[in-house]
Each structure stands twice: as C-alpha cells, then as structure tokens.
Protein backbone atom coordinates (compact mmCIF):
# COMPACT_ATOMS: atom_id res chain seq x y z
CA MET A 1 0.13 -0.14 -0.07
CA SER A 2 2.98 2.37 0.02
CA GLN A 3 2.07 3.61 -3.46
CA PHE A 4 -0.83 5.29 -1.81
CA PRO A 5 -0.83 8.46 0.01
CA LEU A 6 -2.50 7.01 3.11
CA GLN A 7 -1.13 9.03 5.55
CA SER A 8 -1.63 12.34 3.55
CA VAL A 9 -5.38 11.62 3.07
CA ALA A 10 -5.78 10.85 6.82
CA ALA A 11 -4.11 13.92 7.58
CA ALA A 12 -6.21 16.20 5.09
CA THR A 13 -9.27 14.53 6.54
CA GLY A 14 -8.39 15.27 10.09
CA SER A 15 -7.43 18.83 9.18
CA PHE A 16 -10.62 19.32 7.49
CA VAL A 17 -12.66 18.07 10.64
CA ALA A 18 -10.64 20.18 13.15
CA ASP A 19 -11.14 23.44 11.00
CA LEU A 20 -15.02 23.06 10.69
CA PRO A 21 -16.98 25.74 12.52
CA ALA A 22 -18.10 25.18 16.08
CA GLN A 23 -21.45 23.75 14.73
CA ALA A 24 -21.19 19.97 14.25
CA PRO A 25 -21.91 18.75 10.66
CA CYS A 26 -25.15 16.63 10.01
CA ARG A 27 -23.30 15.10 7.22
CA VAL A 28 -19.81 14.92 5.66
CA GLU A 29 -19.33 13.65 2.29
CA ALA A 30 -15.88 12.43 0.96
CA LYS A 31 -15.16 11.70 -2.63
CA VAL A 32 -11.94 9.95 -3.68
CA VAL A 33 -10.91 10.16 -7.24
CA SER A 34 -8.69 7.12 -7.93
CA PRO A 35 -8.20 4.16 -9.93
CA ASP A 36 -7.42 2.25 -6.66
CA GLY A 37 -9.58 4.35 -4.03
CA MET A 38 -10.74 1.77 -1.65
CA PRO A 39 -7.67 1.90 0.82
CA LEU A 40 -8.00 5.79 0.73
CA LEU A 41 -11.52 5.78 1.53
CA CYS A 42 -10.87 3.10 4.25
CA ALA A 43 -8.53 6.04 5.74
CA VAL A 44 -10.89 8.77 5.39
CA GLU A 45 -13.61 6.83 7.14
CA ALA A 46 -11.22 5.87 10.06
CA VAL A 47 -10.50 9.50 10.70
CA LEU A 48 -14.13 10.29 10.35
CA ALA A 49 -15.21 7.68 12.79
CA GLN A 50 -12.39 9.08 15.31
CA THR A 51 -13.11 12.70 15.07
CA LEU A 52 -16.68 13.31 14.38
CA SER A 53 -19.47 13.32 17.01
CA LYS A 54 -22.41 11.14 16.59
CA PRO A 55 -24.75 10.74 14.87
CA THR A 56 -23.16 12.55 11.57
CA THR A 57 -23.90 10.83 8.59
CA GLN A 58 -20.85 9.84 6.40
CA GLU A 59 -21.25 9.44 2.49
CA LEU A 60 -18.00 7.98 1.07
CA VAL A 61 -17.85 7.90 -2.69
CA TRP A 62 -15.05 6.24 -4.74
CA LEU A 63 -14.88 7.42 -8.46
CA SER A 64 -12.68 4.93 -9.97
CA GLY A 65 -11.39 7.21 -12.83
CA ALA A 66 -8.20 9.15 -12.34
CA PRO A 67 -7.64 12.74 -13.28
CA LYS A 68 -4.38 11.98 -14.58
CA THR A 69 -1.87 8.99 -14.13
CA GLY A 70 -0.35 8.70 -10.67
CA ALA A 71 -2.73 11.55 -9.16
CA HIS A 72 -5.34 10.85 -6.31
CA VAL A 73 -7.91 13.57 -5.49
CA LEU A 74 -10.00 13.93 -2.15
CA GLN A 75 -12.72 15.87 -2.11
CA LEU A 76 -14.51 16.79 1.50
CA GLN A 77 -17.77 18.74 2.09
CA ALA A 78 -19.34 19.02 5.46
CA PHE A 79 -23.18 19.99 5.63
CA GLY A 80 -25.21 21.53 8.43
CA PRO A 81 -29.13 21.62 9.09
CA HIS A 82 -31.28 21.90 6.04
CA ASN A 83 -28.20 20.80 3.83
CA THR A 84 -26.16 24.04 4.29
CA LEU A 85 -22.71 23.84 3.14
CA LEU A 86 -20.42 24.57 6.08
CA ALA A 87 -17.12 23.78 4.49
CA GLU A 88 -15.41 21.99 1.48
CA ALA A 89 -11.88 21.20 0.65
CA THR A 90 -10.08 19.41 -2.32
CA HIS A 91 -6.69 17.95 -2.11
CA GLU A 92 -4.57 16.26 -5.10
CA PHE A 93 -1.70 13.83 -4.05
CA GLU A 94 0.72 12.60 -6.61
CA VAL A 95 2.61 9.43 -6.34
C-alpha cells in the first residue's frame, strides 16, 4: 500500500474536521477520485469515525477514474442543518 498517500489523506481529513465551524456537521461527504481508491476511503473513514461526533452521517464515494496517471484526489464537504454547506476542501496527491 505504500504507493498510496494514506497518511496524507488521513492528515488532510483530520485537518478538515478540525477546521470545521463550531457547529457540528450533520453530514460529511468524502469523494476519492483514484483508480485504486478503496484504501484511501478506508483511511478517510477511520479518521471520520475517530473525530466526528455521533450521529453525523458519512457518505463515502469512490470515483474509479483518475484525473491523470499517478494522481489521487480527495474532495471533502461538510453540511449542516437543511443541507447548508459548512465547508469544503479538495486535495490532490501525486505518487
């Protein structure tokens, strides 16, 4: 698994959650764009499980295409009541 940026994805997810407004999100959506995204989604899910209060809904999406060879993209969005967007971030990782 060393070819995947697991630690970078986990760190980016942790920073995203830490930077959320004081209002706890109702839902967090994470999209991974990568030909081999399952390990990356598992890293995201592990961080969300440790850092989010319950009952935050998590939507994890693996888009199996890749924007370019050797790239992995992580898109994060947090939503509050009434589906209000609280925060969003996009990270691209090269291997």
